[in-house]
Structure formats: structure tokens, C-alpha cells
């Protein structure tokens, strides 16, 4: 990578430009031949030769996460002030209707609406209602809790409540 006048590009080992120096940011991970870039506060993805593959239309984008165990590659993105997720073909995996999302436990997806967290699956079915201030994945179960509550709620990966514990 190379930077000049606060703009980024990519050169090869022969110092030939593979990606012109015109981006505000360039991601460091290459997943499925895609590199996260931003320009003028918009995010998208280019290939290693600098061709725009996913247009720079997003207000935010994470680098793609590769979930080898189920052959899924997705990125968290923000569009028109709402978060969702896309795949490497820019197909919508999670609709743009959430205040925030957490995709690192894919195919389970933590989603936030009106400052409350819930959980959906890849079929967009709500598994845990939007009732918690916090959701945490804990190896084989999900724990939900609220700031002003004395209780912890535990769910299995299907959203079925397993137990409730007093804090």
C-alpha cells in the first residue's frame, strides 16, 4: 500500500500501481479477492486490480468475514442510516432495517432496534425478541440481560429460553 496527500493506493513489488492513489481508506484484508475502500465518506469494495466490484454507496462497511464452516462470506454495512449485511456479490443477507447488527456469530445474527437487542437467523426469523440491553454469545448459549435488571436470561441457538438466573 502507498499513501500520498492522505490518499491511499496499492502498488506491486515492481512499484507499479495496481490501485490508483485515490481512496481515503483501504482495508488490510483481502477476502474473495475483495478489498474494502472508502472515498468521500462512502464505502465499497474493489478487486486487487482496482476495479470497483461493490459500489461505494455505503455509509459504513466492515471487511468481509469468512465463515469457513458454512461457506458464508458476509460484511456488515450501513445504508440510508440502517445496518444490514451483504455477501461478496452485494446480495442482501440481512435487510437494512436495524440500528446495529453483529454478524460475528453467523448464521446467528444479533440485531438492534430501538436500543434493544434481539437475534435472527439467516431466514430473517426472529429467534430472540428485541428486549435486551445486551446479548452475548457464550460457547453453546446466548445470554441476554438489561442494565436495571437482577436477572440473566439464557437461550439456546434456536432462541429457546433455557433458564433464568438471578445476578
Foldseek 3Di string as FASTA:
>chain_A
DDADPQFDFDADPVRHTQADRAFNDWADDQDPQWIWTHHPQFIAIDGSSHHGQGDRQFNDKDAWDQPPVVRFIKIWTAHPQFIFIAGSNRHTQGDRDFNDKDCPVPQWIWTADPQFIFIAGSVRDTLGDRDANDWDDDPFWIWGHHPPAQKIWIAGPSNHTDDIDGD
